[in-house]
Amino acid sequence: MTFSKKYNFMSTTKQTNNPGFLRTLSSLQFGIVLLITITVVAVIGTLIPQGRPPEFYSEHYNNAIVSVITVFRFDRTYGSPLFIGLLGLFGLNIFLCSVIKFPRLLLSVFRPNLQPDRQTIQAMHISTSLEGTTLDAVSRVFSTHGFTLKPTAKNRLFGEKGKMGYLGASVVHVSLLVLLTGGMVSLITGLRGYIVLENGESTSVVTMSEDLAIPLGFTLALEKFTVEFYESHPGRPKSFISKVYVTREDGTEFERDIKVNHPLLLNGFNIYQSSYGSAKPKGPISAENDTAQIAIRLKGTPEDVPPIKTVDMVKGDEFLIPGFGDSLKVRLSDVFRDFRRAGSSVSIESPAVHFDVLVNDETRWSVFAFKEFPGLNMPVHDDMDLTFTMTGIKFDRSAGEVTGEPEYYTVLGVVRDEGIPVMWTGALLMMTGLFLSFYIRPRRVWVYDDNGTIYIGAGTKGDPDQFRSFITKVIKDTKKGSLSENNNDSDA
């Protein structure tokens, strides 16, 4: 008994009749190059700030880099023609590499060759031959081991298990195509915005950007917004819930709690709990006279080195920076109890200050400093050797005190993305394909009686050693059974 170790079962022959260009597009090497290129472009998109005005890039990068950003649209990388084009080429590569071969794969899976000749059987992954036994005896032994063989001709048997496992890789490839399609749909048609409401307020539109708002098709009213904080960390939110009333255009109403991982899905919009902030204090409190506590350091100075100066300032105050004579002066232009950066989503409460740095009484730089982000100054000025940190703020309460619990506004994120169902479909296909690939192991057995000599050929996906051991055991049991029958015949 011999076993062949030729691994050519279910092999495919190279297509040499394809044009060179088409063969390149469908090659694995081209797909790998595309995947690496897509990764590099995506990394560039994370390193370069997105969606900023042209002046921002001119201020922070040299002319050569600005030209590259402008030409390749790296200011909006993920919606740029370059990125979308690369995704399209990658999808075409997967299509040509896999889907075109899919019909041939289906044919080989669902209509296998049931009557291979002796040479084909001997060339299979696993092959052997027996004498002195019958097809019925071989079939019985396979059945006792849980593998059923059925006759396909007078002198042939065939059996298989787990044939769907052959489709695993193809299903994964199809899922990649579906995921790419969903991603493209999201890039082209997806809309993302936000809704900011205080208790008692309502809206029927969603803000997509500073100059764009689109109708929801219903009215959303905030009845009550609650924030719960951890006892051990009073400033750290444990949960926040927006209790809303929804009124449809036909007048029907319903109530819903929007909280983390429990969004409101309506009219194609996905409305979820994104963030919150402190509402404006109730009562006659002036912000003009709030006192900001400011620390000034030399750029690059370690945190453990004391600042050049720490000073309390109100709006309009000026002071000279020690060590620079009368030439360098700072003026506090504005104080913000809750600063929101233009073009970004609404953040939680974040006090900030705005400085003008004057050289010889002329404004040279203007920067913002944030209490929640020590040492961060925006915009960044490479030629300015100072950094400012807002260390605290004292509210002016000369016009009256605020009493009662603090109130908050809710920030609801809004997404309308027709690509999401497509991407969910792709994800399900991906899981199905991976399951078929890793957990369903297809196995096939052919048995051929050629004038009293039994030829057995078998094949499986992947490493055939385990299945070869199974076939070896079946052959041994078959020989034992044949030997026992011969002994019984001799005794008779």
Protein backbone atom coordinates (compact mmCIF):
# COMPACT_ATOMS: atom_id res chain seq x y z
CA MET A 1 0.00 0.00 0.00
CA THR A 2 1.46 3.33 -1.04
CA PHE A 3 0.32 6.92 -0.56
CA SER A 4 1.07 9.65 -3.03
CA LYS A 5 2.09 13.09 -1.66
CA LYS A 6 1.35 15.04 -4.79
CA TYR A 7 -0.62 18.13 -3.71
CA ASN A 8 -2.53 18.83 -6.90
CA PHE A 9 -6.09 18.10 -5.77
CA MET A 10 -8.57 20.82 -6.75
CA SER A 11 -5.69 22.64 -8.39
CA THR A 12 -6.31 25.19 -11.08
CA THR A 13 -4.31 25.63 -14.20
CA LYS A 14 -2.80 28.99 -15.01
CA GLN A 15 -4.60 30.95 -17.60
CA THR A 16 -2.06 31.92 -20.17
CA ASN A 17 -4.51 33.20 -22.71
CA ASN A 18 -5.40 36.37 -20.77
CA PRO A 19 -3.97 39.62 -22.04
CA GLY A 20 -0.97 40.83 -20.03
CA PHE A 21 -2.76 43.92 -18.68
CA LEU A 22 -5.74 41.91 -17.47
CA ARG A 23 -3.45 39.30 -15.96
CA THR A 24 -1.61 42.05 -14.05
CA LEU A 25 -4.85 43.54 -12.74
CA SER A 26 -5.98 40.16 -11.46
CA SER A 27 -2.66 39.12 -9.93
CA LEU A 28 -2.05 38.66 -6.22
CA GLN A 29 1.12 40.77 -6.42
CA PHE A 30 -0.83 43.74 -7.79
CA GLY A 31 -3.39 43.34 -4.99
CA ILE A 32 -0.64 43.41 -2.34
CA VAL A 33 0.89 46.55 -3.88
CA LEU A 34 -2.54 48.22 -3.88
CA LEU A 35 -3.17 47.26 -0.26
CA ILE A 36 0.18 48.70 0.83
CA THR A 37 -0.50 51.91 -1.13
CA ILE A 38 -3.95 52.27 0.43
CA THR A 39 -2.41 51.83 3.88
CA VAL A 40 0.23 54.50 3.19
CA VAL A 41 -2.40 56.98 1.95
CA ALA A 42 -4.58 56.25 5.00
CA VAL A 43 -1.62 56.91 7.31
CA ILE A 44 -0.97 60.22 5.52
CA GLY A 45 -4.61 61.09 6.12
CA THR A 46 -4.15 60.54 9.87
CA LEU A 47 -0.96 62.65 10.01
CA ILE A 48 -2.27 65.64 8.05
CA PRO A 49 -5.15 67.54 9.72
CA GLN A 50 -8.29 67.13 7.64
CA GLY A 51 -10.79 69.71 6.42
CA ARG A 52 -8.81 72.82 7.34
CA PRO A 53 -8.86 75.99 5.20
CA PRO A 54 -5.98 76.51 2.71
CA GLU A 55 -4.42 79.16 4.95
CA PHE A 56 -3.86 76.56 7.67
CA TYR A 57 -1.70 74.37 5.42
CA SER A 58 0.21 77.37 4.03
CA GLU A 59 1.00 78.43 7.59
CA HIS A 60 2.14 75.01 8.84
CA TYR A 61 3.86 73.41 5.83
CA ASN A 62 6.40 74.48 3.22
CA ASN A 63 5.38 75.17 -0.37
CA ALA A 64 6.37 71.72 -1.68
CA ILE A 65 4.23 69.89 0.88
CA VAL A 66 1.34 72.30 0.33
CA SER A 67 1.52 71.54 -3.41
CA VAL A 68 1.37 67.78 -2.71
CA ILE A 69 -1.58 68.28 -0.34
CA THR A 70 -3.39 70.37 -2.95
CA VAL A 71 -2.74 68.06 -5.91
CA PHE A 72 -3.61 64.79 -4.13
CA ARG A 73 -6.32 66.34 -1.93
CA PHE A 74 -4.70 65.14 1.28
CA ASP A 75 -6.71 67.82 3.12
CA ARG A 76 -9.71 65.50 2.60
CA THR A 77 -7.87 62.24 2.11
CA TYR A 78 -10.67 59.73 2.56
CA GLY A 79 -12.93 61.42 0.05
CA SER A 80 -10.19 62.27 -2.43
CA PRO A 81 -10.14 60.90 -6.01
CA LEU A 82 -6.82 59.20 -5.18
CA PHE A 83 -8.17 57.24 -2.21
CA ILE A 84 -11.45 56.35 -3.91
CA GLY A 85 -9.56 55.36 -7.07
CA LEU A 86 -7.24 53.07 -5.09
CA LEU A 87 -10.22 51.43 -3.41
CA GLY A 88 -11.84 50.97 -6.82
CA LEU A 89 -8.71 49.33 -8.25
CA PHE A 90 -8.46 47.06 -5.22
CA GLY A 91 -12.07 46.02 -5.70
CA LEU A 92 -11.42 45.36 -9.40
CA ASN A 93 -8.40 43.25 -8.47
CA ILE A 94 -10.48 41.15 -6.08
CA PHE A 95 -13.22 40.81 -8.68
CA LEU A 96 -10.87 39.67 -11.44
CA CYS A 97 -8.85 37.46 -9.08
CA SER A 98 -11.77 35.68 -7.46
CA VAL A 99 -15.26 36.32 -8.74
CA ILE A 100 -14.50 35.50 -12.38
CA LYS A 101 -13.21 32.10 -11.23
CA PHE A 102 -16.28 31.58 -9.04
CA PRO A 103 -18.43 29.74 -11.66
CA ARG A 104 -15.62 27.25 -12.29
CA LEU A 105 -15.24 26.74 -8.55
CA LEU A 106 -18.98 26.17 -8.16
CA LEU A 107 -18.84 23.60 -10.94
CA SER A 108 -15.98 21.71 -9.30
CA VAL A 109 -17.69 21.83 -5.89
CA PHE A 110 -21.22 20.84 -6.86
CA ARG A 111 -20.47 18.75 -9.94
CA PRO A 112 -17.24 16.89 -9.17
CA ASN A 113 -15.79 14.29 -11.50
CA LEU A 114 -17.51 11.12 -10.33
CA GLN A 115 -15.70 8.74 -12.68
CA PRO A 116 -11.99 9.58 -12.72
CA ASP A 117 -9.70 7.12 -14.47
CA ARG A 118 -7.01 5.12 -12.67
CA GLN A 119 -4.23 7.60 -13.49
CA THR A 120 -6.25 10.51 -12.03
CA ILE A 121 -6.91 8.58 -8.82
CA GLN A 122 -3.26 7.66 -8.44
CA ALA A 123 -2.27 11.33 -8.84
CA MET A 124 -4.55 12.55 -6.02
CA HIS A 125 -3.33 13.83 -2.67
CA ILE A 126 -3.98 10.47 -1.08
CA SER A 127 -4.03 7.30 -3.15
CA THR A 128 -3.63 3.59 -2.59
CA SER A 129 -4.73 0.27 -4.08
CA LEU A 130 -6.07 -2.98 -2.61
CA GLU A 131 -6.54 -6.51 -3.82
CA GLY A 132 -8.57 -9.36 -2.46
CA THR A 133 -11.55 -7.24 -1.43
CA THR A 134 -14.74 -5.84 -2.93
CA LEU A 135 -16.46 -2.49 -3.28
CA ASP A 136 -19.12 -3.58 -0.81
CA ALA A 137 -16.49 -4.41 1.81
CA VAL A 138 -14.76 -1.07 1.35
CA SER A 139 -18.08 0.75 1.56
CA ARG A 140 -19.05 -1.04 4.79
CA VAL A 141 -15.78 -0.18 6.51
CA PHE A 142 -16.05 3.50 5.50
CA SER A 143 -19.63 3.54 6.87
CA THR A 144 -18.51 2.14 10.23
CA HIS A 145 -16.12 5.09 10.43
CA GLY A 146 -18.88 7.61 9.70
CA PHE A 147 -18.06 8.23 6.05
CA THR A 148 -20.75 7.15 3.59
CA LEU A 149 -19.87 6.10 0.05
CA LYS A 150 -22.47 5.87 -2.69
CA PRO A 151 -22.23 4.04 -6.02
CA THR A 152 -21.81 6.29 -9.06
CA ALA A 153 -21.39 3.44 -11.53
CA LYS A 154 -21.24 -0.36 -11.52
CA ASN A 155 -17.62 -0.39 -10.41
CA ARG A 156 -17.28 3.02 -8.68
CA LEU A 157 -18.05 4.64 -5.32
CA PHE A 158 -17.89 8.28 -4.24
CA GLY A 159 -18.38 10.09 -0.93
CA GLU A 160 -17.77 13.57 0.43
CA LYS A 161 -18.20 15.69 3.54
CA GLY A 162 -18.05 19.44 4.17
CA LYS A 163 -17.97 20.47 0.52
CA MET A 164 -19.05 24.03 1.47
CA GLY A 165 -15.60 24.48 2.97
CA TYR A 166 -14.19 24.86 -0.53
CA LEU A 167 -16.20 28.09 -0.87
CA GLY A 168 -14.75 29.79 2.24
CA ALA A 169 -12.00 31.78 0.50
CA SER A 170 -14.36 32.87 -2.28
CA VAL A 171 -16.98 34.04 0.23
CA VAL A 172 -14.29 36.07 2.03
CA HIS A 173 -13.28 37.68 -1.27
CA VAL A 174 -16.90 38.50 -2.07
CA SER A 175 -17.28 40.00 1.42
CA LEU A 176 -14.29 42.27 0.73
CA LEU A 177 -16.02 43.49 -2.43
CA VAL A 178 -19.23 44.16 -0.48
CA LEU A 179 -17.29 45.99 2.27
CA LEU A 180 -15.49 48.12 -0.31
CA THR A 181 -18.80 48.93 -1.99
CA GLY A 182 -20.30 49.93 1.35
CA GLY A 183 -17.28 52.08 2.12
CA MET A 184 -17.52 53.82 -1.25
CA VAL A 185 -21.23 54.48 -0.72
CA SER A 186 -20.45 55.93 2.72
CA LEU A 187 -17.71 58.18 1.35
CA ILE A 188 -19.87 59.50 -1.46
CA THR A 189 -23.34 59.74 0.13
CA GLY A 190 -22.77 59.55 3.90
CA LEU A 191 -23.83 62.54 6.03
CA ARG A 192 -22.70 63.22 9.58
CA GLY A 193 -23.85 66.04 11.82
CA TYR A 194 -24.97 66.92 15.30
CA ILE A 195 -27.88 68.31 17.31
CA VAL A 196 -27.35 70.45 20.41
CA LEU A 197 -30.34 70.85 22.75
CA GLU A 198 -30.99 72.17 26.22
CA ASN A 199 -33.90 70.96 28.34
CA GLY A 200 -37.16 72.10 26.77
CA GLU A 201 -35.68 72.87 23.35
CA SER A 202 -36.67 71.16 20.10
CA THR A 203 -35.49 71.00 16.51
CA SER A 204 -36.54 69.55 13.16
CA VAL A 205 -33.17 69.92 11.43
CA VAL A 206 -29.69 68.49 11.90
CA THR A 207 -26.58 70.65 11.57
CA MET A 208 -24.13 69.09 9.11
CA SER A 209 -21.67 72.00 9.05
CA GLU A 210 -21.57 75.71 9.84
CA ASP A 211 -23.52 76.57 6.69
CA LEU A 212 -25.54 73.40 6.09
CA ALA A 213 -28.56 72.01 7.92
CA ILE A 214 -30.94 69.39 6.53
CA PRO A 215 -34.49 68.50 7.65
CA LEU A 216 -35.07 65.41 9.76
CA GLY A 217 -38.64 64.84 8.65
CA PHE A 218 -39.74 64.88 12.31
CA THR A 219 -39.40 67.10 15.40
CA LEU A 220 -37.11 66.12 18.24
CA ALA A 221 -37.81 67.74 21.64
CA LEU A 222 -35.55 67.27 24.66
CA GLU A 223 -37.67 66.80 27.77
CA LYS A 224 -34.80 66.08 30.18
CA PHE A 225 -31.07 65.46 29.93
CA THR A 226 -29.34 63.81 32.89
CA VAL A 227 -25.69 63.15 33.64
CA GLU A 228 -24.53 60.70 36.29
CA PHE A 229 -20.95 60.94 37.61
CA TYR A 230 -18.73 58.41 39.37
CA GLU A 231 -18.57 59.00 43.11
CA SER A 232 -14.82 58.37 43.19
CA HIS A 233 -14.24 60.73 40.22
CA PRO A 234 -16.79 63.57 40.45
CA GLY A 235 -15.73 65.08 37.13
CA ARG A 236 -15.93 61.79 35.21
CA PRO A 237 -19.32 60.99 33.66
CA LYS A 238 -20.70 57.50 34.26
CA SER A 239 -23.67 57.82 31.92
CA PHE A 240 -25.73 60.45 30.17
CA ILE A 241 -29.27 60.02 28.88
CA SER A 242 -31.42 62.23 26.67
CA LYS A 243 -35.13 61.74 27.17
CA VAL A 244 -36.78 62.99 23.97
CA TYR A 245 -40.22 63.29 22.43
CA VAL A 246 -40.47 62.60 18.71
CA THR A 247 -43.28 64.06 16.64
CA ARG A 248 -43.66 62.72 13.12
CA GLU A 249 -45.02 64.76 10.25
CA ASP A 250 -48.36 62.93 10.50
CA GLY A 251 -48.70 64.09 14.14
CA THR A 252 -47.96 60.79 15.86
CA GLU A 253 -45.71 61.02 18.90
CA PHE A 254 -43.57 58.70 20.96
CA GLU A 255 -41.03 58.94 23.77
CA ARG A 256 -37.50 57.54 23.68
CA ASP A 257 -34.39 57.51 25.86
CA ILE A 258 -31.24 58.06 23.79
CA LYS A 259 -28.14 56.79 25.55
CA VAL A 260 -24.81 55.23 24.73
CA ASN A 261 -25.29 52.13 22.53
CA HIS A 262 -29.04 52.81 22.37
CA PRO A 263 -29.57 55.16 19.39
CA LEU A 264 -32.77 56.38 17.80
CA LEU A 265 -33.23 55.05 14.25
CA LEU A 266 -35.79 56.99 12.23
CA ASN A 267 -36.18 58.20 8.63
CA GLY A 268 -32.77 56.78 7.73
CA PHE A 269 -31.07 58.79 10.52
CA ASN A 270 -29.06 57.18 13.29
CA ILE A 271 -29.23 59.56 16.28
CA TYR A 272 -26.92 58.59 19.13
CA GLN A 273 -25.67 60.07 22.41
CA SER A 274 -22.36 61.72 21.59
CA SER A 275 -21.40 64.18 24.31
CA TYR A 276 -22.63 66.92 26.59
CA GLY A 277 -21.67 70.32 27.93
CA SER A 278 -22.52 72.80 30.65
CA ALA A 279 -25.43 75.01 29.77
CA LYS A 280 -25.06 78.74 30.16
CA PRO A 281 -25.49 79.72 33.82
CA LYS A 282 -28.93 80.97 34.74
CA GLY A 283 -28.86 84.46 36.24
CA PRO A 284 -27.22 87.85 35.66
CA ILE A 285 -23.54 86.81 35.66
CA SER A 286 -21.08 88.81 33.60
CA ALA A 287 -18.37 86.96 31.66
CA GLU A 288 -16.57 90.18 30.80
CA ASN A 289 -14.87 90.34 34.19
CA ASP A 290 -13.99 86.66 34.65
CA THR A 291 -10.41 86.29 35.82
CA ALA A 292 -8.12 83.90 33.97
CA GLN A 293 -5.03 82.47 35.62
CA ILE A 294 -2.21 82.26 33.09
CA ALA A 295 1.25 80.62 33.19
CA ILE A 296 3.87 81.62 30.58
CA ARG A 297 6.80 79.37 29.71
CA LEU A 298 9.58 79.20 27.17
CA LYS A 299 8.75 76.69 24.44
CA GLY A 300 10.25 73.28 25.18
CA THR A 301 10.76 73.94 28.89
CA PRO A 302 10.16 70.81 31.04
CA GLU A 303 7.02 70.83 33.19
CA ASP A 304 9.04 70.70 36.42
CA VAL A 305 10.74 74.02 35.60
CA PRO A 306 8.81 76.99 37.03
CA PRO A 307 7.13 79.26 34.44
CA ILE A 308 8.55 82.67 33.53
CA LYS A 309 5.51 84.27 35.09
CA THR A 310 2.07 83.35 36.43
CA VAL A 311 -0.50 86.15 36.36
CA ASP A 312 -4.22 86.75 36.86
CA MET A 313 -5.84 88.68 33.98
CA VAL A 314 -9.25 89.91 32.90
CA LYS A 315 -10.27 90.78 29.38
CA GLY A 316 -8.24 93.72 28.06
CA ASP A 317 -5.36 93.40 30.53
CA GLU A 318 -1.80 93.75 29.23
CA PHE A 319 1.56 92.96 30.80
CA LEU A 320 5.20 92.86 29.79
CA ILE A 321 6.93 89.50 29.63
CA PRO A 322 9.98 89.50 31.94
CA GLY A 323 13.33 89.19 30.24
CA PHE A 324 12.34 90.87 26.98
CA GLY A 325 12.49 94.50 28.04
CA ASP A 326 9.69 96.70 26.75
CA SER A 327 9.44 94.99 23.35
CA LEU A 328 7.28 91.92 24.14
CA LYS A 329 3.82 92.33 25.61
CA VAL A 330 0.75 90.10 26.06
CA ARG A 331 -2.84 91.28 25.90
CA LEU A 332 -5.81 89.11 26.96
CA SER A 333 -8.31 89.52 24.12
CA ASP A 334 -11.10 87.25 25.36
CA VAL A 335 -12.14 84.70 27.98
CA PHE A 336 -14.37 81.72 27.16
CA ARG A 337 -16.16 79.71 29.82
CA ASP A 338 -16.97 77.08 27.19
CA PHE A 339 -14.88 77.22 24.06
CA ARG A 340 -15.98 75.46 20.86
CA ARG A 341 -13.60 75.21 17.95
CA ALA A 342 -15.04 76.18 14.57
CA GLY A 343 -15.64 73.24 12.28
CA SER A 344 -15.55 70.61 15.03
CA SER A 345 -18.27 68.84 16.90
CA VAL A 346 -19.52 70.55 20.02
CA SER A 347 -17.33 69.57 22.95
CA ILE A 348 -17.87 69.39 26.68
CA GLU A 349 -17.27 72.50 28.78
CA SER A 350 -13.76 73.75 28.03
CA PRO A 351 -12.61 77.14 29.37
CA ALA A 352 -10.16 78.94 27.12
CA VAL A 353 -8.45 82.30 26.62
CA HIS A 354 -7.40 84.24 23.54
CA PHE A 355 -4.10 86.16 23.59
CA ASP A 356 -2.54 88.75 21.36
CA VAL A 357 1.27 88.79 21.61
CA LEU A 358 2.58 92.25 20.74
CA VAL A 359 6.05 93.14 19.54
CA ASN A 360 6.75 96.86 19.89
CA ASP A 361 3.02 97.44 20.51
CA GLU A 362 1.99 95.71 17.24
CA THR A 363 0.19 92.36 17.23
CA ARG A 364 2.57 89.66 15.97
CA TRP A 365 0.80 86.46 17.05
CA SER A 366 -2.69 85.49 18.22
CA VAL A 367 -3.15 82.22 20.09
CA PHE A 368 -5.71 80.28 22.12
CA ALA A 369 -4.86 78.41 25.33
CA PHE A 370 -7.13 75.79 26.92
CA LYS A 371 -7.55 74.83 30.55
CA GLU A 372 -8.35 71.20 29.72
CA PHE A 373 -5.30 70.85 27.45
CA PRO A 374 -2.28 72.34 29.27
CA GLY A 375 0.47 73.58 26.98
CA LEU A 376 -1.68 73.40 23.85
CA ASN A 377 -1.69 76.65 21.89
CA MET A 378 -3.64 77.03 18.66
CA PRO A 379 -2.69 77.87 16.05
CA VAL A 380 0.93 76.76 16.30
CA HIS A 381 3.49 79.47 15.50
CA ASP A 382 6.92 77.97 14.89
CA ASP A 383 8.65 81.34 15.27
CA MET A 384 7.08 82.10 18.67
CA ASP A 385 9.27 80.98 21.59
CA LEU A 386 6.54 81.12 24.24
CA THR A 387 3.72 78.82 25.34
CA PHE A 388 0.70 79.78 27.44
CA THR A 389 -1.26 77.60 29.85
CA MET A 390 -4.62 78.49 31.36
CA THR A 391 -4.35 77.15 34.91
CA GLY A 392 -7.74 78.32 36.17
CA ILE A 393 -10.72 80.65 35.85
CA LYS A 394 -12.60 82.66 38.46
CA PHE A 395 -16.14 83.59 37.52
CA ASP A 396 -17.27 87.13 38.16
CA ARG A 397 -20.24 86.94 40.49
CA SER A 398 -20.58 90.61 41.26
CA ALA A 399 -23.96 90.72 39.54
CA GLY A 400 -25.39 87.90 41.64
CA GLU A 401 -24.85 84.32 42.66
CA VAL A 402 -25.95 81.21 40.80
CA THR A 403 -27.85 78.72 42.88
CA GLY A 404 -29.15 75.22 42.29
CA GLU A 405 -27.73 72.23 40.44
CA PRO A 406 -25.75 72.79 37.24
CA GLU A 407 -27.62 72.22 34.01
CA TYR A 408 -26.22 70.58 30.91
CA TYR A 409 -26.99 70.49 27.23
CA THR A 410 -26.91 67.30 25.19
CA VAL A 411 -24.91 66.71 22.03
CA LEU A 412 -26.52 64.12 19.78
CA GLY A 413 -24.52 62.73 16.89
CA VAL A 414 -26.49 62.16 13.70
CA VAL A 415 -25.51 59.82 10.88
CA ARG A 416 -27.34 59.09 7.65
CA ASP A 417 -25.28 56.52 5.83
CA GLU A 418 -26.76 54.26 3.19
CA GLY A 419 -23.51 52.32 3.11
CA ILE A 420 -23.97 50.94 6.64
CA PRO A 421 -26.43 48.13 5.66
CA VAL A 422 -24.09 47.17 2.84
CA MET A 423 -21.14 47.04 5.22
CA TRP A 424 -23.11 44.94 7.71
CA THR A 425 -23.86 42.52 4.88
CA GLY A 426 -20.16 42.41 4.04
CA ALA A 427 -19.27 41.77 7.67
CA LEU A 428 -21.72 38.86 7.89
CA LEU A 429 -20.32 37.41 4.67
CA MET A 430 -16.81 37.82 6.04
CA MET A 431 -17.68 35.88 9.21
CA THR A 432 -19.41 33.20 7.14
CA GLY A 433 -16.40 32.86 4.84
CA LEU A 434 -13.95 32.65 7.76
CA PHE A 435 -16.12 30.02 9.43
CA LEU A 436 -16.23 27.94 6.25
CA SER A 437 -12.47 28.33 5.77
CA PHE A 438 -11.34 27.45 9.31
CA TYR A 439 -14.04 25.16 10.69
CA ILE A 440 -15.45 23.24 7.71
CA ARG A 441 -12.90 20.81 6.31
CA PRO A 442 -14.04 19.29 3.00
CA ARG A 443 -13.10 15.66 2.27
CA ARG A 444 -13.69 13.46 -0.78
CA VAL A 445 -13.12 9.79 -1.53
CA TRP A 446 -13.22 7.95 -4.86
CA VAL A 447 -13.17 4.13 -5.10
CA TYR A 448 -12.65 2.34 -8.43
CA ASP A 449 -12.72 -1.42 -9.05
CA ASP A 450 -10.45 -2.10 -12.01
CA ASN A 451 -10.73 -5.83 -12.74
CA GLY A 452 -10.42 -6.90 -9.10
CA THR A 453 -7.91 -4.23 -8.02
CA ILE A 454 -9.49 -1.56 -5.83
CA TYR A 455 -8.04 1.92 -6.31
CA ILE A 456 -8.83 4.49 -3.61
CA GLY A 457 -8.18 8.18 -4.07
CA ALA A 458 -8.94 10.93 -1.57
CA GLY A 459 -8.48 14.65 -1.21
CA THR A 460 -9.06 17.40 1.31
CA LYS A 461 -8.48 21.11 1.64
CA GLY A 462 -5.25 22.10 3.37
CA ASP A 463 -2.86 19.67 5.03
CA PRO A 464 -3.97 16.13 4.12
CA ASP A 465 -2.01 14.31 6.86
CA GLN A 466 -4.98 13.92 9.21
CA PHE A 467 -7.22 12.61 6.44
CA ARG A 468 -4.40 10.34 5.26
CA SER A 469 -4.32 8.81 8.75
CA PHE A 470 -8.07 8.25 8.54
CA ILE A 471 -7.75 6.50 5.16
CA THR A 472 -4.87 4.38 6.52
CA LYS A 473 -7.08 3.16 9.38
CA VAL A 474 -9.92 2.39 6.99
CA ILE A 475 -7.58 0.38 4.74
CA LYS A 476 -6.22 -1.59 7.70
CA ASP A 477 -9.73 -2.42 8.88
CA THR A 478 -10.70 -3.39 5.34
CA LYS A 479 -7.74 -5.77 5.13
CA LYS A 480 -8.59 -7.26 8.51
CA GLY A 481 -12.16 -7.79 7.39
CA SER A 482 -11.06 -9.41 4.11
CA LEU A 483 -8.59 -11.65 5.97
CA SER A 484 -11.31 -12.70 8.43
CA GLU A 485 -13.67 -13.55 5.59
CA ASN A 486 -10.98 -15.62 3.87
CA ASN A 487 -10.28 -17.51 7.10
CA ASN A 488 -13.97 -18.23 7.53
CA ASP A 489 -14.15 -19.51 3.96
CA SER A 490 -11.16 -21.77 4.62
CA ASP A 491 -12.73 -23.17 7.82
CA ALA A 492 -15.93 -23.90 5.93
